[in-house]
N, C-alpha and C. Protein backbone atom coordinates (compact mmCIF):
# COMPACT_ATOMS: atom_id res chain seq x y z
N MET A 1 -5.02 -1.28 6.78
CA MET A 1 -5.31 0.11 6.78
C MET A 1 -5.83 0.47 5.40
N ALA A 2 -6.78 1.36 5.36
CA ALA A 2 -7.32 1.86 4.09
C ALA A 2 -7.56 3.36 4.21
N VAL A 3 -7.26 4.07 3.12
CA VAL A 3 -7.48 5.51 3.08
C VAL A 3 -8.38 5.80 1.88
N VAL A 4 -9.54 6.37 2.15
CA VAL A 4 -10.51 6.66 1.09
C VAL A 4 -10.65 8.17 0.96
N GLY A 5 -10.62 8.66 -0.28
CA GLY A 5 -10.78 10.08 -0.55
C GLY A 5 -12.24 10.44 -0.73
N ILE A 6 -12.48 11.68 -1.01
CA ILE A 6 -13.84 12.19 -1.21
C ILE A 6 -14.18 12.09 -2.69
N ALA A 7 -15.38 11.60 -2.98
CA ALA A 7 -15.84 11.47 -4.36
C ALA A 7 -16.13 12.84 -4.95
N ASP A 8 -15.80 12.98 -6.21
CA ASP A 8 -16.07 14.21 -6.96
C ASP A 8 -17.40 14.05 -7.69
N GLY A 9 -18.43 14.74 -7.24
CA GLY A 9 -19.73 14.65 -7.91
C GLY A 9 -20.31 13.25 -7.83
N HIS A 10 -20.53 12.64 -9.00
CA HIS A 10 -21.12 11.30 -9.06
C HIS A 10 -20.08 10.21 -9.23
N ALA A 11 -18.81 10.57 -9.18
CA ALA A 11 -17.75 9.58 -9.34
C ALA A 11 -17.65 8.71 -8.09
N LYS A 12 -17.04 7.56 -8.26
CA LYS A 12 -16.77 6.69 -7.12
C LYS A 12 -15.71 7.34 -6.24
N PRO A 13 -15.78 7.15 -4.94
CA PRO A 13 -14.71 7.68 -4.09
C PRO A 13 -13.40 6.96 -4.40
N PRO A 14 -12.30 7.70 -4.43
CA PRO A 14 -11.02 7.05 -4.72
C PRO A 14 -10.49 6.32 -3.48
N LEU A 15 -10.01 5.13 -3.71
CA LEU A 15 -9.28 4.41 -2.67
C LEU A 15 -7.83 4.86 -2.82
N LEU A 16 -7.39 5.76 -1.95
CA LEU A 16 -6.08 6.37 -2.08
C LEU A 16 -4.95 5.42 -1.74
N ALA A 17 -5.15 4.60 -0.70
CA ALA A 17 -4.09 3.68 -0.28
C ALA A 17 -4.66 2.55 0.55
N ILE A 18 -3.99 1.41 0.47
CA ILE A 18 -4.22 0.32 1.40
C ILE A 18 -2.85 -0.10 1.90
N GLY A 19 -2.80 -0.59 3.12
CA GLY A 19 -1.50 -0.92 3.66
C GLY A 19 -1.55 -1.92 4.78
N GLU A 20 -0.34 -2.28 5.19
CA GLU A 20 -0.16 -3.25 6.26
C GLU A 20 1.04 -2.80 7.08
N ALA A 21 0.98 -3.06 8.38
CA ALA A 21 2.08 -2.70 9.27
C ALA A 21 2.49 -3.92 10.10
N LYS A 22 3.79 -4.09 10.23
CA LYS A 22 4.37 -5.15 11.06
C LYS A 22 5.45 -4.53 11.93
N TRP A 23 5.58 -5.01 13.13
CA TRP A 23 6.62 -4.47 14.00
C TRP A 23 7.87 -5.34 13.99
N ASN A 24 7.73 -6.61 14.31
CA ASN A 24 8.89 -7.50 14.45
C ASN A 24 9.17 -8.37 13.24
N ASP A 25 8.39 -8.25 12.20
CA ASP A 25 8.55 -9.10 11.02
C ASP A 25 9.18 -8.31 9.87
N THR A 26 10.18 -8.91 9.25
CA THR A 26 10.72 -8.34 8.01
C THR A 26 9.69 -8.61 6.93
N MET A 27 9.26 -7.57 6.26
CA MET A 27 8.23 -7.72 5.23
C MET A 27 8.87 -8.09 3.90
N GLY A 28 8.14 -8.90 3.13
CA GLY A 28 8.62 -9.35 1.84
C GLY A 28 7.60 -9.13 0.75
N VAL A 29 7.90 -9.69 -0.39
CA VAL A 29 7.04 -9.50 -1.56
C VAL A 29 5.67 -10.14 -1.34
N ALA A 30 5.57 -11.15 -0.50
CA ALA A 30 4.27 -11.78 -0.23
C ALA A 30 3.30 -10.77 0.39
N HIS A 31 3.80 -9.88 1.22
CA HIS A 31 2.94 -8.84 1.81
C HIS A 31 2.42 -7.90 0.71
N ILE A 32 3.29 -7.55 -0.21
CA ILE A 32 2.91 -6.67 -1.31
C ILE A 32 1.91 -7.38 -2.23
N GLU A 33 2.16 -8.64 -2.52
CA GLU A 33 1.24 -9.40 -3.38
C GLU A 33 -0.14 -9.53 -2.74
N ARG A 34 -0.18 -9.67 -1.42
CA ARG A 34 -1.48 -9.73 -0.73
C ARG A 34 -2.23 -8.41 -0.89
N LEU A 35 -1.51 -7.30 -0.75
CA LEU A 35 -2.16 -6.00 -0.94
C LEU A 35 -2.62 -5.81 -2.38
N MET A 36 -1.85 -6.30 -3.34
CA MET A 36 -2.27 -6.23 -4.76
C MET A 36 -3.56 -7.02 -4.96
N HIS A 37 -3.63 -8.19 -4.34
CA HIS A 37 -4.83 -9.02 -4.46
C HIS A 37 -6.04 -8.32 -3.83
N ILE A 38 -5.84 -7.71 -2.68
CA ILE A 38 -6.92 -6.97 -2.03
C ILE A 38 -7.38 -5.83 -2.92
N ARG A 39 -6.43 -5.12 -3.53
CA ARG A 39 -6.80 -4.02 -4.44
C ARG A 39 -7.62 -4.54 -5.61
N GLU A 40 -7.25 -5.69 -6.15
CA GLU A 40 -8.01 -6.28 -7.26
C GLU A 40 -9.43 -6.64 -6.83
N LEU A 41 -9.57 -7.22 -5.64
CA LEU A 41 -10.91 -7.58 -5.15
C LEU A 41 -11.77 -6.34 -4.94
N ILE A 42 -11.18 -5.29 -4.41
CA ILE A 42 -11.92 -4.04 -4.21
C ILE A 42 -12.33 -3.45 -5.55
N ALA A 43 -11.43 -3.50 -6.52
CA ALA A 43 -11.75 -2.99 -7.86
C ALA A 43 -12.92 -3.77 -8.46
N GLN A 44 -12.92 -5.08 -8.29
CA GLN A 44 -14.00 -5.91 -8.82
C GLN A 44 -15.33 -5.59 -8.15
N GLY A 45 -15.28 -5.17 -6.89
CA GLY A 45 -16.51 -4.81 -6.18
C GLY A 45 -17.17 -3.57 -6.75
N GLY A 46 -16.39 -2.71 -7.40
CA GLY A 46 -16.95 -1.56 -8.10
C GLY A 46 -17.35 -0.38 -7.23
N ARG A 47 -17.09 -0.44 -5.96
CA ARG A 47 -17.53 0.66 -5.08
C ARG A 47 -16.53 1.82 -5.06
N TYR A 48 -15.25 1.52 -5.27
CA TYR A 48 -14.21 2.54 -5.20
C TYR A 48 -13.41 2.60 -6.50
N ASP A 49 -12.86 3.77 -6.77
CA ASP A 49 -11.94 3.95 -7.89
C ASP A 49 -10.55 3.56 -7.39
N THR A 50 -9.99 2.49 -7.93
CA THR A 50 -8.70 1.98 -7.47
C THR A 50 -7.57 2.28 -8.47
N THR A 51 -7.83 3.13 -9.44
CA THR A 51 -6.80 3.37 -10.47
C THR A 51 -5.53 4.01 -9.91
N GLY A 52 -5.63 4.76 -8.84
CA GLY A 52 -4.45 5.40 -8.26
C GLY A 52 -4.08 4.89 -6.88
N THR A 53 -4.63 3.73 -6.50
CA THR A 53 -4.40 3.22 -5.16
C THR A 53 -2.93 2.86 -4.93
N ARG A 54 -2.37 3.41 -3.86
CA ARG A 54 -0.99 3.09 -3.47
C ARG A 54 -1.00 1.95 -2.47
N LEU A 55 0.04 1.16 -2.51
CA LEU A 55 0.23 0.06 -1.57
C LEU A 55 1.32 0.47 -0.59
N LEU A 56 0.98 0.53 0.70
CA LEU A 56 1.90 1.00 1.73
C LEU A 56 2.25 -0.13 2.68
N CYS A 57 3.53 -0.33 2.90
CA CYS A 57 4.00 -1.32 3.86
C CYS A 57 4.85 -0.60 4.91
N PHE A 58 4.49 -0.77 6.17
CA PHE A 58 5.21 -0.18 7.28
C PHE A 58 5.84 -1.32 8.08
N SER A 59 7.13 -1.22 8.37
CA SER A 59 7.78 -2.30 9.11
C SER A 59 8.84 -1.76 10.07
N GLY A 60 8.76 -2.22 11.30
CA GLY A 60 9.78 -1.89 12.29
C GLY A 60 11.05 -2.70 12.08
N ALA A 61 10.93 -3.86 11.43
CA ALA A 61 12.08 -4.75 11.22
C ALA A 61 12.70 -4.59 9.83
N GLY A 62 12.04 -3.86 8.94
CA GLY A 62 12.58 -3.64 7.60
C GLY A 62 11.96 -4.54 6.54
N PHE A 63 12.61 -4.58 5.39
CA PHE A 63 12.08 -5.25 4.20
C PHE A 63 13.18 -6.09 3.56
N ASN A 64 12.77 -7.20 2.95
CA ASN A 64 13.77 -8.02 2.28
C ASN A 64 14.04 -7.47 0.87
N ASP A 65 15.02 -8.08 0.20
CA ASP A 65 15.45 -7.59 -1.11
C ASP A 65 14.33 -7.64 -2.15
N LYS A 66 13.48 -8.67 -2.09
CA LYS A 66 12.40 -8.78 -3.08
C LYS A 66 11.37 -7.66 -2.88
N ALA A 67 11.11 -7.29 -1.66
CA ALA A 67 10.18 -6.18 -1.40
C ALA A 67 10.77 -4.88 -1.94
N HIS A 68 12.06 -4.67 -1.70
CA HIS A 68 12.72 -3.47 -2.22
C HIS A 68 12.68 -3.44 -3.75
N ALA A 69 12.90 -4.59 -4.37
CA ALA A 69 12.87 -4.66 -5.84
C ALA A 69 11.47 -4.35 -6.36
N ALA A 70 10.44 -4.86 -5.70
CA ALA A 70 9.07 -4.59 -6.12
C ALA A 70 8.76 -3.11 -6.01
N ALA A 71 9.20 -2.48 -4.92
CA ALA A 71 8.95 -1.05 -4.72
C ALA A 71 9.70 -0.21 -5.74
N GLU A 72 10.91 -0.63 -6.10
CA GLU A 72 11.69 0.10 -7.09
C GLU A 72 11.08 0.01 -8.48
N SER A 73 10.35 -1.08 -8.74
CA SER A 73 9.78 -1.28 -10.07
C SER A 73 8.39 -0.68 -10.23
N SER A 74 7.77 -0.24 -9.13
CA SER A 74 6.41 0.29 -9.21
C SER A 74 6.25 1.53 -8.32
N PRO A 75 5.86 2.65 -8.91
CA PRO A 75 5.65 3.85 -8.10
C PRO A 75 4.44 3.75 -7.17
N SER A 76 3.60 2.74 -7.34
CA SER A 76 2.42 2.61 -6.48
C SER A 76 2.74 1.89 -5.17
N ILE A 77 3.97 1.38 -5.03
CA ILE A 77 4.37 0.65 -3.81
C ILE A 77 5.32 1.53 -3.01
N GLN A 78 5.00 1.71 -1.74
CA GLN A 78 5.86 2.50 -0.87
C GLN A 78 6.18 1.70 0.38
N LEU A 79 7.47 1.59 0.68
CA LEU A 79 7.94 0.92 1.88
C LEU A 79 8.37 1.97 2.89
N VAL A 80 7.89 1.83 4.12
CA VAL A 80 8.20 2.81 5.16
C VAL A 80 8.80 2.05 6.35
N ASP A 81 10.08 2.30 6.60
CA ASP A 81 10.73 1.72 7.77
C ASP A 81 10.77 2.76 8.88
N LEU A 82 11.38 2.40 10.01
CA LEU A 82 11.40 3.33 11.14
C LEU A 82 12.16 4.61 10.81
N ALA A 83 13.28 4.49 10.12
CA ALA A 83 14.07 5.68 9.77
C ALA A 83 13.23 6.61 8.88
N GLY A 84 12.54 6.04 7.91
CA GLY A 84 11.69 6.84 7.03
C GLY A 84 10.51 7.46 7.75
N LEU A 85 9.95 6.72 8.69
CA LEU A 85 8.81 7.23 9.44
C LEU A 85 9.22 8.39 10.32
N TYR A 86 10.31 8.24 11.04
CA TYR A 86 10.71 9.29 11.97
C TYR A 86 11.41 10.44 11.29
N ALA A 87 11.92 10.24 10.10
CA ALA A 87 12.52 11.35 9.33
C ALA A 87 11.44 12.32 8.90
N GLN A 88 10.20 11.86 8.80
CA GLN A 88 9.08 12.69 8.38
C GLN A 88 8.50 13.50 9.54
N ALA A 89 8.86 13.14 10.76
CA ALA A 89 8.28 13.82 11.94
C ALA A 89 8.87 15.19 12.15
C-alpha cells in the first residue's frame, strides 16, 4: 500500500506512507525492514519526498516483540492490529 500526498507548487509530492497487511501471519521486524528498504529505493528514485514517510503494518495475527520494539523506537513506524483498527471505527 502507498499513500501519496499532493505536491505544493514545484515540490515533489510527499510519500505519506507505505505499508503492508497480513491476516494470518504474525508480523516481525523483517516486514518493517522491507518497508524501510522500499522507502530508501523510492527516495533514491527522486520522484517523491520521503522525509516524512510513515511505515504502516497491519496484522490480523499481531506482531512479535521485535516489531513492537522497532515501533517504540521510531515514530515513523505504526503497528495496527485488529483491536486498534476497530477501535478507530
